[in-house]
Amino acid sequence: MDYKRSDRVGDLVKEEIASMIQRGEIKDPRIGFVTITKVGMRRDLKHAKVFFSMLGTPEERRKSNAGLNSASGYIRRVLAKRLKLKQIPTIVFEFDESIEYSSHIEKVIKDLKKESA
């Protein structure tokens, strides 16, 4: 398997951001209980799209997304101190709908099994 540098840096960024959230280093009250699911890093390592998931209403997700995006400058400064990189990527947060979609598919399959039984 070809494991690119952008993947390795993305994994490092994911771990650091997740630990910052877990330890409560980001103090924005809009951010609820979020989980960092993956980081999509561009090959040039200048831009990172950080995907998160959380339980809650769409309004709570929007608030958490806004809180995370407003904290991205602070997160970049902390990453600059912790990671030994020439350039710290710009960070954009986005809600990861894949988990929600997979639970929806699972529910549909269970409903189909109930109907056929």
Protein backbone atom coordinates (compact mmCIF):
# COMPACT_ATOMS: atom_id res chain seq x y z
CA MET A 1 0.00 0.00 0.00
CA ASP A 2 1.26 3.45 -0.91
CA TYR A 3 1.18 5.57 2.23
CA LYS A 4 1.84 9.16 1.16
CA ARG A 5 3.37 11.91 3.24
CA SER A 6 0.11 13.85 3.08
CA ASP A 7 -1.64 10.87 4.72
CA ARG A 8 0.93 10.70 7.52
CA VAL A 9 0.71 14.45 8.18
CA GLY A 10 -3.09 14.22 8.06
CA ASP A 11 -3.00 11.49 10.70
CA LEU A 12 -0.77 13.64 12.92
CA VAL A 13 -3.08 16.63 12.53
CA LYS A 14 -6.09 14.44 13.34
CA GLU A 15 -4.48 13.10 16.52
CA GLU A 16 -3.43 16.55 17.73
CA ILE A 17 -6.81 18.19 17.08
CA ALA A 18 -8.64 15.27 18.70
CA SER A 19 -6.46 15.50 21.80
CA MET A 20 -6.99 19.28 21.97
CA ILE A 21 -10.75 18.77 21.93
CA GLN A 22 -10.61 15.90 24.41
CA ARG A 23 -8.48 17.88 26.90
CA GLY A 24 -10.73 20.92 26.61
CA GLU A 25 -8.09 23.23 25.16
CA ILE A 26 -10.63 24.77 22.79
CA LYS A 27 -12.94 26.83 24.96
CA ASP A 28 -15.68 27.79 22.50
CA PRO A 29 -19.08 26.98 24.11
CA ARG A 30 -20.63 26.29 20.69
CA ILE A 31 -18.49 23.18 20.28
CA GLY A 32 -20.36 20.20 21.62
CA PHE A 33 -19.16 16.64 22.03
CA VAL A 34 -17.45 16.15 18.67
CA THR A 35 -15.27 13.36 17.33
CA ILE A 36 -12.65 13.96 14.66
CA THR A 37 -13.19 11.22 12.09
CA LYS A 38 -10.64 11.98 9.37
CA VAL A 39 -8.44 14.64 7.84
CA GLY A 40 -8.19 15.19 4.11
CA MET A 41 -4.82 16.75 3.41
CA ARG A 42 -3.83 18.19 0.05
CA ARG A 43 -0.60 16.89 -1.45
CA ASP A 44 1.15 20.23 -1.01
CA LEU A 45 0.27 20.10 2.73
CA LYS A 46 -1.09 23.66 2.65
CA HIS A 47 -4.77 22.86 3.20
CA ALA A 48 -6.50 20.37 5.48
CA LYS A 49 -10.18 19.51 5.59
CA VAL A 50 -10.99 18.13 9.03
CA PHE A 51 -14.14 16.01 9.24
CA PHE A 52 -16.01 15.62 12.52
CA SER A 53 -19.09 13.78 13.70
CA MET A 54 -21.42 14.37 16.60
CA LEU A 55 -24.82 13.47 17.87
CA GLY A 56 -27.42 16.18 17.95
CA THR A 57 -29.75 18.29 15.91
CA PRO A 58 -28.73 19.95 12.64
CA GLU A 59 -28.67 23.28 14.49
CA GLU A 60 -26.21 21.92 17.08
CA ARG A 61 -24.04 20.60 14.23
CA ARG A 62 -24.02 24.03 12.57
CA LYS A 63 -23.06 25.67 15.86
CA SER A 64 -20.25 23.20 16.44
CA ASN A 65 -19.04 23.66 12.88
CA ALA A 66 -19.01 27.44 13.32
CA GLY A 67 -17.20 27.12 16.65
CA LEU A 68 -14.56 24.80 15.23
CA ASN A 69 -13.99 26.99 12.18
CA SER A 70 -13.66 30.10 14.33
CA ALA A 71 -11.07 28.29 16.47
CA SER A 72 -9.03 27.20 13.44
CA GLY A 73 -6.53 30.05 13.89
CA TYR A 74 -5.86 29.01 17.47
CA ILE A 75 -5.61 25.36 16.41
CA ARG A 76 -3.05 26.27 13.72
CA ARG A 77 -0.92 28.14 16.28
CA VAL A 78 -0.96 25.15 18.64
CA LEU A 79 -0.15 22.78 15.78
CA ALA A 80 2.79 24.99 14.80
CA LYS A 81 4.23 24.55 18.29
CA ARG A 82 3.61 20.78 18.48
CA LEU A 83 4.41 19.61 14.95
CA LYS A 84 7.75 20.05 13.24
CA LEU A 85 6.52 21.18 9.84
CA LYS A 86 7.76 23.92 7.54
CA GLN A 87 4.26 25.12 6.92
CA ILE A 88 1.12 24.51 8.98
CA PRO A 89 -1.94 23.88 6.78
CA THR A 90 -5.00 26.07 6.78
CA ILE A 91 -7.81 24.16 8.45
CA VAL A 92 -11.45 23.94 7.45
CA PHE A 93 -13.91 21.87 9.47
CA GLU A 94 -16.76 19.97 7.88
CA PHE A 95 -19.43 17.65 9.29
CA ASP A 96 -18.86 14.02 8.31
CA GLU A 97 -22.15 12.64 7.09
CA SER A 98 -20.83 9.15 6.36
CA ILE A 99 -21.57 7.81 9.86
CA GLU A 100 -25.09 9.19 9.78
CA TYR A 101 -25.59 7.75 6.30
CA SER A 102 -24.36 4.30 7.34
CA SER A 103 -26.71 4.22 10.33
CA HIS A 104 -29.57 5.18 8.00
CA ILE A 105 -28.68 2.31 5.63
CA GLU A 106 -28.49 -0.08 8.58
CA LYS A 107 -31.96 1.01 9.72
CA VAL A 108 -33.37 0.50 6.22
CA ILE A 109 -31.90 -3.01 6.05
CA LYS A 110 -33.35 -3.90 9.47
CA ASP A 111 -36.76 -2.61 8.39
CA LEU A 112 -36.60 -4.70 5.21
CA LYS A 113 -35.73 -7.81 7.23
CA LYS A 114 -38.68 -7.18 9.56
CA GLU A 115 -41.05 -6.82 6.59
CA SER A 116 -39.85 -10.04 4.96
CA ALA A 117 -40.11 -12.06 8.19
